[in-house]
Amino acid sequence: MPFITTLGAVPTEIYYEDTGTGPPVVLIHGWPLSHRMWESQVTALSDAGYRCIAYDRRGFGESSRPPGGYDYDTFASDLNDLMMVLDLKGAMLAGFSMGGGEVARYLGRYGAGRVSKAMFLGSVTPFLLKTHDNPEGGEQEALDAKLAAVKADRVAFLEQFFPKFYNGAGVAERATPDLIAFSKWIAWGASPVATQQCVVAFGTTDFRADLKKITIPTCVVHGGGDQIVPFEISGKRTAAMIAGSRLELLPDAPHGFAATHAAELNALMIDFFRS
């Protein structure tokens, strides 16, 4: 199985799958999933002539489960280690949901020397928490309640979470029972500690300074029916903060549009990467 070992103070094994040949695309999954969420995108992109590297964040999927390091500086460092070990150049980064935070923090911290384009898909950027200078964010009480629910009964939380994850306005028929069951199966296998601590990471990390440093071609894609990370507080603001970015709104699409609207997303990705 393909792994890289991170180069930080506490080495961590990061699992990845490397499919296809051509310009490299690095796919960064959302919470609480794994590289498996990208099945449709890997197939479409590799068929279109791209090399797809889909990896598991520490604590998720096949990657190792350290007791800590579930913060965006460490996540970005893990991504940088992957880029360095695989010697990726001219790579295109695509981050879904909390994975958008890795894209932002990586580019803000390490620059775009190895990156040619970036995509933010249903991303948690720019800053989800309500503060005195971020009135658009959500309340701390809501974040606390989410974390408490995950800690109290993670399996029960996921049972309630995924129907909302995949159901946008008028597209319930795309959120099939098998899709929801598959997603729960992926999430059940994640580290409970990682699942908990990532709630804090994506709920409280401010990416505004990172976004303002991005100068490479960038595309922001969001679901108009997103009930998890609403467009108005995330995708809309992310696109506004990145000069010259391209914004694509998928009408009525839910948060989990990589599965429910796979054909539409795949076409957008290929068009953007080829442009």
C-alpha atoms as a PDB file:
ATOM      1  CA  MET A   1       0.000   0.000   0.000  1.00  0.00           C
ATOM      2  CA  PRO A   2       1.383   3.480  -0.839  1.00  0.00           C
ATOM      3  CA  PHE A   3       2.258   5.637   2.158  1.00  0.00           C
ATOM      4  CA  ILE A   4       4.483   8.604   2.805  1.00  0.00           C
ATOM      5  CA  THR A   5       5.883   9.290   6.255  1.00  0.00           C
ATOM      6  CA  THR A   6       5.566  12.901   7.348  1.00  0.00           C
ATOM      7  CA  LEU A   7       8.741  14.760   8.186  1.00  0.00           C
ATOM      8  CA  GLY A   8       7.565  16.551  11.337  1.00  0.00           C
ATOM      9  CA  ALA A   9       8.499  15.965  14.966  1.00  0.00           C
ATOM     10  CA  VAL A  10       6.040  13.047  15.255  1.00  0.00           C
ATOM     11  CA  PRO A  11       6.228  11.011  12.023  1.00  0.00           C
ATOM     12  CA  THR A  12       2.798  10.003  10.703  1.00  0.00           C
ATOM     13  CA  GLU A  13       1.987   7.639   7.851  1.00  0.00           C
ATOM     14  CA  ILE A  14      -0.255   9.218   5.221  1.00  0.00           C
ATOM     15  CA  TYR A  15      -1.984   6.849   2.812  1.00  0.00           C
ATOM     16  CA  TYR A  16      -2.544   7.920  -0.787  1.00  0.00           C
ATOM     17  CA  GLU A  17      -3.744   6.486  -4.083  1.00  0.00           C
ATOM     18  CA  ASP A  18      -2.034   7.525  -7.302  1.00  0.00           C
ATOM     19  CA  THR A  19      -4.079   6.939 -10.453  1.00  0.00           C
ATOM     20  CA  GLY A  20      -3.549   7.920 -14.077  1.00  0.00           C
ATOM     21  CA  THR A  21      -0.835   9.848 -15.879  1.00  0.00           C
ATOM     22  CA  GLY A  22      -0.445  13.469 -16.858  1.00  0.00           C
ATOM     23  CA  PRO A  23      -0.542  16.749 -14.937  1.00  0.00           C
ATOM     24  CA  PRO A  24      -1.000  16.015 -11.216  1.00  0.00           C
ATOM     25  CA  VAL A  25      -4.222  16.755  -9.348  1.00  0.00           C
ATOM     26  CA  VAL A  26      -4.194  16.428  -5.554  1.00  0.00           C
ATOM     27  CA  LEU A  27      -7.618  15.696  -4.033  1.00  0.00           C
ATOM     28  CA  ILE A  28      -8.170  16.553  -0.352  1.00  0.00           C
ATOM     29  CA  HIS A  29     -11.251  15.026   1.240  1.00  0.00           C
ATOM     30  CA  GLY A  30     -13.836  16.443   3.611  1.00  0.00           C
ATOM     31  CA  TRP A  31     -14.859  15.563   7.160  1.00  0.00           C
ATOM     32  CA  PRO A  32     -15.509  12.860   8.272  1.00  0.00           C
ATOM     33  CA  LEU A  33     -14.751  10.979   5.046  1.00  0.00           C
ATOM     34  CA  SER A  34     -11.589   9.715   3.302  1.00  0.00           C
ATOM     35  CA  HIS A  35     -10.056   9.482  -0.165  1.00  0.00           C
ATOM     36  CA  ARG A  36     -12.945   7.148  -1.042  1.00  0.00           C
ATOM     37  CA  MET A  37     -15.274  10.131  -1.508  1.00  0.00           C
ATOM     38  CA  TRP A  38     -13.383  10.985  -4.730  1.00  0.00           C
ATOM     39  CA  GLU A  39     -14.176   7.784  -6.657  1.00  0.00           C
ATOM     40  CA  SER A  40     -16.130   9.500  -9.439  1.00  0.00           C
ATOM     41  CA  GLN A  41     -13.637  12.367  -9.753  1.00  0.00           C
ATOM     42  CA  VAL A  42     -10.629  10.034  -9.924  1.00  0.00           C
ATOM     43  CA  THR A  43     -12.265   8.044 -12.716  1.00  0.00           C
ATOM     44  CA  ALA A  44     -13.257  11.114 -14.730  1.00  0.00           C
ATOM     45  CA  LEU A  45      -9.996  12.989 -14.282  1.00  0.00           C
ATOM     46  CA  SER A  46      -7.720  10.038 -14.984  1.00  0.00           C
ATOM     47  CA  ASP A  47      -9.756   9.252 -18.110  1.00  0.00           C
ATOM     48  CA  ALA A  48      -9.284  12.905 -19.135  1.00  0.00           C
ATOM     49  CA  GLY A  49      -5.498  12.646 -18.917  1.00  0.00           C
ATOM     50  CA  TYR A  50      -4.676  13.667 -15.352  1.00  0.00           C
ATOM     51  CA  ARG A  51      -2.677  11.993 -12.612  1.00  0.00           C
ATOM     52  CA  CYS A  52      -4.895  11.895  -9.501  1.00  0.00           C
ATOM     53  CA  ILE A  53      -3.380  11.714  -6.031  1.00  0.00           C
ATOM     54  CA  ALA A  54      -6.110  11.241  -3.416  1.00  0.00           C
ATOM     55  CA  TYR A  55      -4.836  10.932   0.145  1.00  0.00           C
ATOM     56  CA  ASP A  56      -6.279  10.332   3.597  1.00  0.00           C
ATOM     57  CA  ARG A  57      -5.915  13.040   6.204  1.00  0.00           C
ATOM     58  CA  ARG A  58      -4.189  11.864   9.394  1.00  0.00           C
ATOM     59  CA  GLY A  59      -6.703   9.997  11.559  1.00  0.00           C
ATOM     60  CA  PHE A  60      -8.946   9.077   8.618  1.00  0.00           C
ATOM     61  CA  GLY A  61      -9.129   6.274   6.071  1.00  0.00           C
ATOM     62  CA  GLU A  62      -5.951   4.229   5.864  1.00  0.00           C
ATOM     63  CA  SER A  63      -3.641   6.864   7.362  1.00  0.00           C
ATOM     64  CA  SER A  64      -2.236   6.408  10.840  1.00  0.00           C
ATOM     65  CA  ARG A  65      -4.003   7.730  13.937  1.00  0.00           C
ATOM     66  CA  PRO A  66      -1.679   9.881  16.030  1.00  0.00           C
ATOM     67  CA  PRO A  67      -3.032  11.256  19.314  1.00  0.00           C
ATOM     68  CA  GLY A  68      -2.683  14.853  18.117  1.00  0.00           C
ATOM     69  CA  GLY A  69      -1.763  17.169  15.285  1.00  0.00           C
ATOM     70  CA  TYR A  70      -5.333  17.834  14.199  1.00  0.00           C
ATOM     71  CA  ASP A  71      -4.829  21.487  13.359  1.00  0.00           C
ATOM     72  CA  TYR A  72      -4.429  23.242  10.029  1.00  0.00           C
ATOM     73  CA  ASP A  73      -0.755  24.081  10.385  1.00  0.00           C
ATOM     74  CA  THR A  74      -0.077  20.354  10.782  1.00  0.00           C
ATOM     75  CA  PHE A  75      -2.505  19.385   8.009  1.00  0.00           C
ATOM     76  CA  ALA A  76      -0.739  21.818   5.670  1.00  0.00           C
ATOM     77  CA  SER A  77       2.607  20.406   6.715  1.00  0.00           C
ATOM     78  CA  ASP A  78       1.368  16.890   5.900  1.00  0.00           C
ATOM     79  CA  LEU A  79       0.269  18.092   2.464  1.00  0.00           C
ATOM     80  CA  ASN A  80       3.625  19.756   1.917  1.00  0.00           C
ATOM     81  CA  ASP A  81       5.401  16.524   2.838  1.00  0.00           C
ATOM     82  CA  LEU A  82       3.268  14.647   0.292  1.00  0.00           C
ATOM     83  CA  MET A  83       4.087  17.225  -2.386  1.00  0.00           C
ATOM     84  CA  MET A  84       7.797  17.026  -1.573  1.00  0.00           C
ATOM     85  CA  VAL A  85       8.089  13.246  -1.316  1.00  0.00           C
ATOM     86  CA  LEU A  86       6.208  12.719  -4.597  1.00  0.00           C
ATOM     87  CA  ASP A  87       8.079  15.697  -6.107  1.00  0.00           C
ATOM     88  CA  LEU A  88       4.893  17.149  -7.558  1.00  0.00           C
ATOM     89  CA  LYS A  89       5.281  20.174  -9.812  1.00  0.00           C
ATOM     90  CA  GLY A  90       2.586  22.233 -11.470  1.00  0.00           C
ATOM     91  CA  ALA A  91       0.034  20.430  -9.335  1.00  0.00           C
ATOM     92  CA  MET A  92      -3.624  21.386  -9.149  1.00  0.00           C
ATOM     93  CA  LEU A  93      -5.114  21.268  -5.649  1.00  0.00           C
ATOM     94  CA  ALA A  94      -8.793  20.535  -5.035  1.00  0.00           C
ATOM     95  CA  GLY A  95     -10.061  20.620  -1.456  1.00  0.00           C
ATOM     96  CA  PHE A  96     -13.592  19.681  -0.454  1.00  0.00           C
ATOM     97  CA  SER A  97     -15.209  21.140   2.682  1.00  0.00           C
ATOM     98  CA  MET A  98     -12.550  21.039   5.424  1.00  0.00           C
ATOM     99  CA  GLY A  99     -10.092  20.061   2.679  1.00  0.00           C
ATOM    100  CA  GLY A 100     -10.461  23.585   1.345  1.00  0.00           C
ATOM    101  CA  GLY A 101      -8.795  24.701   4.536  1.00  0.00           C
ATOM    102  CA  GLU A 102      -5.713  22.633   3.672  1.00  0.00           C
ATOM    103  CA  VAL A 103      -5.564  24.272   0.242  1.00  0.00           C
ATOM    104  CA  ALA A 104      -5.755  27.747   1.796  1.00  0.00           C
ATOM    105  CA  ARG A 105      -3.281  27.107   4.610  1.00  0.00           C
ATOM    106  CA  TYR A 106      -0.827  25.281   2.334  1.00  0.00           C
ATOM    107  CA  LEU A 107      -0.776  28.146  -0.178  1.00  0.00           C
ATOM    108  CA  GLY A 108      -0.639  30.736   2.597  1.00  0.00           C
ATOM    109  CA  ARG A 109       2.254  29.026   4.350  1.00  0.00           C
ATOM    110  CA  TYR A 110       4.252  27.334   1.572  1.00  0.00           C
ATOM    111  CA  GLY A 111       3.349  29.367  -1.493  1.00  0.00           C
ATOM    112  CA  ALA A 112       2.510  28.191  -5.002  1.00  0.00           C
ATOM    113  CA  GLY A 113       5.930  27.045  -6.177  1.00  0.00           C
ATOM    114  CA  ARG A 114       4.616  23.539  -6.807  1.00  0.00           C
ATOM    115  CA  VAL A 115       1.005  24.501  -7.593  1.00  0.00           C
ATOM    116  CA  SER A 116      -0.534  25.835 -10.802  1.00  0.00           C
ATOM    117  CA  LYS A 117      -4.246  26.024  -9.913  1.00  0.00           C
ATOM    118  CA  ALA A 118      -6.549  25.626  -6.918  1.00  0.00           C
ATOM    119  CA  MET A 119     -10.166  24.629  -6.365  1.00  0.00           C
ATOM    120  CA  PHE A 120     -12.304  25.202  -3.271  1.00  0.00           C
ATOM    121  CA  LEU A 121     -15.298  22.838  -3.294  1.00  0.00           C
ATOM    122  CA  GLY A 122     -17.964  23.446  -0.659  1.00  0.00           C
ATOM    123  CA  SER A 123     -15.109  24.833   1.394  1.00  0.00           C
ATOM    124  CA  VAL A 124     -15.133  25.852   5.069  1.00  0.00           C
ATOM    125  CA  THR A 125     -13.142  28.969   4.175  1.00  0.00           C
ATOM    126  CA  PRO A 126     -12.818  31.837   4.935  1.00  0.00           C
ATOM    127  CA  PHE A 127     -13.852  31.600   8.651  1.00  0.00           C
ATOM    128  CA  LEU A 128     -16.885  29.786  10.072  1.00  0.00           C
ATOM    129  CA  LEU A 129     -16.877  31.150  13.628  1.00  0.00           C
ATOM    130  CA  LYS A 130     -18.704  34.334  14.558  1.00  0.00           C
ATOM    131  CA  THR A 131     -16.392  36.915  16.151  1.00  0.00           C
ATOM    132  CA  HIS A 132     -16.425  40.669  16.557  1.00  0.00           C
ATOM    133  CA  ASP A 133     -14.698  41.072  13.180  1.00  0.00           C
ATOM    134  CA  ASN A 134     -16.471  38.138  11.499  1.00  0.00           C
ATOM    135  CA  PRO A 135     -20.200  38.685  12.128  1.00  0.00           C
ATOM    136  CA  GLU A 136     -21.142  36.372   9.239  1.00  0.00           C
ATOM    137  CA  GLY A 137     -19.874  33.289  11.107  1.00  0.00           C
ATOM    138  CA  GLY A 138     -21.806  30.791  13.181  1.00  0.00           C
ATOM    139  CA  GLU A 139     -22.303  30.858  16.918  1.00  0.00           C
ATOM    140  CA  GLN A 140     -19.825  29.209  19.285  1.00  0.00           C
ATOM    141  CA  GLU A 141     -22.761  27.451  20.965  1.00  0.00           C
ATOM    142  CA  ALA A 142     -23.624  25.619  17.748  1.00  0.00           C
ATOM    143  CA  LEU A 143     -20.033  24.429  17.359  1.00  0.00           C
ATOM    144  CA  ASP A 144     -19.949  23.305  20.993  1.00  0.00           C
ATOM    145  CA  ALA A 145     -23.188  21.367  20.515  1.00  0.00           C
ATOM    146  CA  LYS A 146     -21.812  19.616  17.431  1.00  0.00           C
ATOM    147  CA  LEU A 147     -18.651  18.594  19.244  1.00  0.00           C
ATOM    148  CA  ALA A 148     -20.639  17.388  22.255  1.00  0.00           C
ATOM    149  CA  ALA A 149     -22.858  15.260  19.996  1.00  0.00           C
ATOM    150  CA  VAL A 150     -19.843  13.657  18.316  1.00  0.00           C
ATOM    151  CA  LYS A 151     -18.285  12.900  21.701  1.00  0.00           C
ATOM    152  CA  ALA A 152     -21.484  11.556  23.218  1.00  0.00           C
ATOM    153  CA  ASP A 153     -22.370   9.103  20.419  1.00  0.00           C
ATOM    154  CA  ARG A 154     -20.415   9.397  17.193  1.00  0.00           C
ATOM    155  CA  VAL A 155     -22.403   6.694  15.387  1.00  0.00           C
ATOM    156  CA  ALA A 156     -25.738   8.311  16.280  1.00  0.00           C
ATOM    157  CA  PHE A 157     -24.412  11.710  15.186  1.00  0.00           C
ATOM    158  CA  LEU A 158     -23.413  10.339  11.787  1.00  0.00           C
ATOM    159  CA  GLU A 159     -26.840   8.738  11.379  1.00  0.00           C
ATOM    160  CA  GLN A 160     -28.390  12.216  11.541  1.00  0.00           C
ATOM    161  CA  PHE A 161     -25.581  14.042   9.764  1.00  0.00           C
ATOM    162  CA  PHE A 162     -25.379  12.399   6.361  1.00  0.00           C
ATOM    163  CA  PRO A 163     -28.993  12.820   5.196  1.00  0.00           C
ATOM    164  CA  LYS A 164     -28.515  16.571   5.705  1.00  0.00           C
ATOM    165  CA  PHE A 165     -25.063  16.361   4.088  1.00  0.00           C
ATOM    166  CA  TYR A 166     -26.578  15.053   0.852  1.00  0.00           C
ATOM    167  CA  ASN A 167     -30.009  16.686   0.744  1.00  0.00           C
ATOM    168  CA  GLY A 168     -30.245  20.079  -0.908  1.00  0.00           C
ATOM    169  CA  ALA A 169     -33.488  21.668  -1.979  1.00  0.00           C
ATOM    170  CA  GLY A 170     -35.306  19.414  -4.428  1.00  0.00           C
ATOM    171  CA  VAL A 171     -32.530  16.814  -4.877  1.00  0.00           C
ATOM    172  CA  ALA A 172     -33.453  14.274  -2.206  1.00  0.00           C
ATOM    173  CA  GLU A 173     -33.737  11.582  -4.896  1.00  0.00           C
ATOM    174  CA  ARG A 174     -29.965  11.802  -5.441  1.00  0.00           C
ATOM    175  CA  ALA A 175     -29.243  11.044  -1.770  1.00  0.00           C
ATOM    176  CA  THR A 176     -29.820   7.325  -2.143  1.00  0.00           C
ATOM    177  CA  PRO A 177     -29.842   4.984   0.878  1.00  0.00           C
ATOM    178  CA  ASP A 178     -26.751   3.260  -0.513  1.00  0.00           C
ATOM    179  CA  LEU A 179     -24.843   6.554  -0.782  1.00  0.00           C
ATOM    180  CA  ILE A 180     -25.682   7.447   2.804  1.00  0.00           C
ATOM    181  CA  ALA A 181     -24.760   3.949   4.016  1.00  0.00           C
ATOM    182  CA  PHE A 182     -21.465   4.064   2.115  1.00  0.00           C
ATOM    183  CA  SER A 183     -20.605   7.433   3.656  1.00  0.00           C
ATOM    184  CA  LYS A 184     -21.408   6.255   7.163  1.00  0.00           C
ATOM    185  CA  TRP A 185     -19.232   3.189   6.605  1.00  0.00           C
ATOM    186  CA  ILE A 186     -16.303   5.432   5.623  1.00  0.00           C
ATOM    187  CA  ALA A 187     -16.842   7.720   8.611  1.00  0.00           C
ATOM    188  CA  TRP A 188     -17.275   4.899  11.131  1.00  0.00           C
ATOM    189  CA  GLY A 189     -13.700   3.826  10.448  1.00  0.00           C
ATOM    190  CA  ALA A 190     -12.159   7.185  11.322  1.00  0.00           C
ATOM    191  CA  SER A 191     -10.355   7.854  14.580  1.00  0.00           C
ATOM    192  CA  PRO A 192     -12.834   9.129  17.195  1.00  0.00           C
ATOM    193  CA  VAL A 193     -10.189  11.582  18.441  1.00  0.00           C
ATOM    194  CA  ALA A 194      -9.544  12.876  14.920  1.00  0.00           C
ATOM    195  CA  THR A 195     -13.272  13.185  14.256  1.00  0.00           C
ATOM    196  CA  GLN A 196     -13.682  15.260  17.404  1.00  0.00           C
ATOM    197  CA  GLN A 197     -10.644  17.475  17.058  1.00  0.00           C
ATOM    198  CA  CYS A 198     -11.316  18.261  13.404  1.00  0.00           C
ATOM    199  CA  VAL A 199     -14.638  19.827  14.440  1.00  0.00           C
ATOM    200  CA  VAL A 200     -12.620  22.360  16.419  1.00  0.00           C
ATOM    201  CA  ALA A 201     -10.101  22.795  13.596  1.00  0.00           C
ATOM    202  CA  PHE A 202     -12.515  23.587  10.787  1.00  0.00           C
ATOM    203  CA  GLY A 203     -14.922  25.410  13.082  1.00  0.00           C
ATOM    204  CA  THR A 204     -12.442  27.872  14.560  1.00  0.00           C
ATOM    205  CA  THR A 205      -9.616  28.381  12.041  1.00  0.00           C
ATOM    206  CA  ASP A 206      -9.403  31.749  10.309  1.00  0.00           C
ATOM    207  CA  PHE A 207      -8.217  31.421   6.693  1.00  0.00           C
ATOM    208  CA  ARG A 208      -8.759  35.026   5.610  1.00  0.00           C
ATOM    209  CA  ALA A 209      -5.073  35.954   5.562  1.00  0.00           C
ATOM    210  CA  ASP A 210      -4.258  32.756   3.621  1.00  0.00           C
ATOM    211  CA  LEU A 211      -6.861  33.459   0.943  1.00  0.00           C
ATOM    212  CA  LYS A 212      -5.557  36.962   0.355  1.00  0.00           C
ATOM    213  CA  LYS A 213      -2.131  35.540  -0.530  1.00  0.00           C
ATOM    214  CA  ILE A 214      -3.478  33.375  -3.373  1.00  0.00           C
ATOM    215  CA  THR A 215      -2.578  34.647  -6.831  1.00  0.00           C
ATOM    216  CA  ILE A 216      -2.790  31.492  -8.960  1.00  0.00           C
ATOM    217  CA  PRO A 217      -5.932  30.696 -11.011  1.00  0.00           C
ATOM    218  CA  THR A 218      -8.629  29.605  -8.569  1.00  0.00           C
ATOM    219  CA  CYS A 219     -12.127  28.190  -8.934  1.00  0.00           C
ATOM    220  CA  VAL A 220     -14.701  28.143  -6.123  1.00  0.00           C
ATOM    221  CA  VAL A 221     -17.584  25.670  -6.467  1.00  0.00           C
ATOM    222  CA  HIS A 222     -20.470  25.536  -4.003  1.00  0.00           C
ATOM    223  CA  GLY A 223     -23.893  23.979  -3.691  1.00  0.00           C
ATOM    224  CA  GLY A 224     -26.803  26.391  -3.638  1.00  0.00           C
ATOM    225  CA  GLY A 225     -28.699  24.086  -1.281  1.00  0.00           C
ATOM    226  CA  ASP A 226     -25.786  23.425   1.102  1.00  0.00           C
ATOM    227  CA  GLN A 227     -27.199  22.885   4.612  1.00  0.00           C
ATOM    228  CA  ILE A 228     -23.823  22.141   6.232  1.00  0.00           C
ATOM    229  CA  VAL A 229     -21.644  25.038   5.023  1.00  0.00           C
ATOM    230  CA  PRO A 230     -24.049  27.600   3.551  1.00  0.00           C
ATOM    231  CA  PHE A 231     -22.907  29.390   0.411  1.00  0.00           C
ATOM    232  CA  GLU A 232     -23.436  32.918   1.765  1.00  0.00           C
ATOM    233  CA  ILE A 233     -20.940  32.499   4.617  1.00  0.00           C
ATOM    234  CA  SER A 234     -18.365  30.423   2.755  1.00  0.00           C
ATOM    235  CA  GLY A 235     -18.137  30.020  -1.021  1.00  0.00           C
ATOM    236  CA  LYS A 236     -19.423  33.488  -1.797  1.00  0.00           C
ATOM    237  CA  ARG A 237     -16.980  35.131   0.606  1.00  0.00           C
ATOM    238  CA  THR A 238     -14.075  32.886  -0.420  1.00  0.00           C
ATOM    239  CA  ALA A 239     -14.428  33.886  -4.061  1.00  0.00           C
ATOM    240  CA  ALA A 240     -14.618  37.566  -3.099  1.00  0.00           C
ATOM    241  CA  MET A 241     -11.329  37.329  -1.179  1.00  0.00           C
ATOM    242  CA  ILE A 242      -9.322  35.719  -4.003  1.00  0.00           C
ATOM    243  CA  ALA A 243      -8.623  38.226  -6.748  1.00  0.00           C
ATOM    244  CA  GLY A 244      -9.717  37.038 -10.187  1.00  0.00           C
ATOM    245  CA  SER A 245     -11.239  33.785  -8.932  1.00  0.00           C
ATOM    246  CA  ARG A 246     -13.961  31.935 -10.829  1.00  0.00           C
ATOM    247  CA  LEU A 247     -17.184  31.203  -8.925  1.00  0.00           C
ATOM    248  CA  GLU A 248     -19.501  28.347  -9.888  1.00  0.00           C
ATOM    249  CA  LEU A 249     -22.763  27.819  -7.988  1.00  0.00           C
ATOM    250  CA  LEU A 250     -24.554  24.501  -8.468  1.00  0.00           C
ATOM    251  CA  PRO A 251     -28.242  25.393  -7.982  1.00  0.00           C
ATOM    252  CA  ASP A 252     -29.989  23.321  -5.292  1.00  0.00           C
ATOM    253  CA  ALA A 253     -26.932  21.086  -4.836  1.00  0.00           C
ATOM    254  CA  PRO A 254     -26.256  19.882  -1.277  1.00  0.00           C
ATOM    255  CA  HIS A 255     -22.974  19.928   0.599  1.00  0.00           C
ATOM    256  CA  GLY A 256     -22.039  16.496  -0.699  1.00  0.00           C
ATOM    257  CA  PHE A 257     -22.263  17.470  -4.363  1.00  0.00           C
ATOM    258  CA  ALA A 258     -19.114  15.541  -5.288  1.00  0.00           C
ATOM    259  CA  ALA A 259     -21.379  12.470  -5.137  1.00  0.00           C
ATOM    260  CA  THR A 260     -24.870  13.784  -5.888  1.00  0.00           C
ATOM    261  CA  HIS A 261     -23.717  16.089  -8.711  1.00  0.00           C
ATOM    262  CA  ALA A 262     -20.626  14.169  -9.778  1.00  0.00           C
ATOM    263  CA  ALA A 263     -21.119  14.637 -13.518  1.00  0.00           C
ATOM    264  CA  GLU A 264     -21.546  18.396 -13.151  1.00  0.00           C
ATOM    265  CA  LEU A 265     -18.535  18.720 -10.856  1.00  0.00           C
ATOM    266  CA  ASN A 266     -16.327  16.523 -13.031  1.00  0.00           C
ATOM    267  CA  ALA A 267     -17.117  18.640 -16.077  1.00  0.00           C
ATOM    268  CA  LEU A 268     -16.319  21.842 -14.152  1.00  0.00           C
ATOM    269  CA  MET A 269     -13.019  20.437 -12.890  1.00  0.00           C
ATOM    270  CA  ILE A 270     -11.877  19.328 -16.332  1.00  0.00           C
ATOM    271  CA  ASP A 271     -12.913  22.623 -17.890  1.00  0.00           C
ATOM    272  CA  PHE A 272     -11.065  24.621 -15.235  1.00  0.00           C
ATOM    273  CA  PHE A 273      -7.923  22.505 -15.352  1.00  0.00           C
ATOM    274  CA  ARG A 274      -7.794  22.768 -19.153  1.00  0.00           C
ATOM    275  CA  SER A 275      -8.492  26.499 -19.291  1.00  0.00           C
END
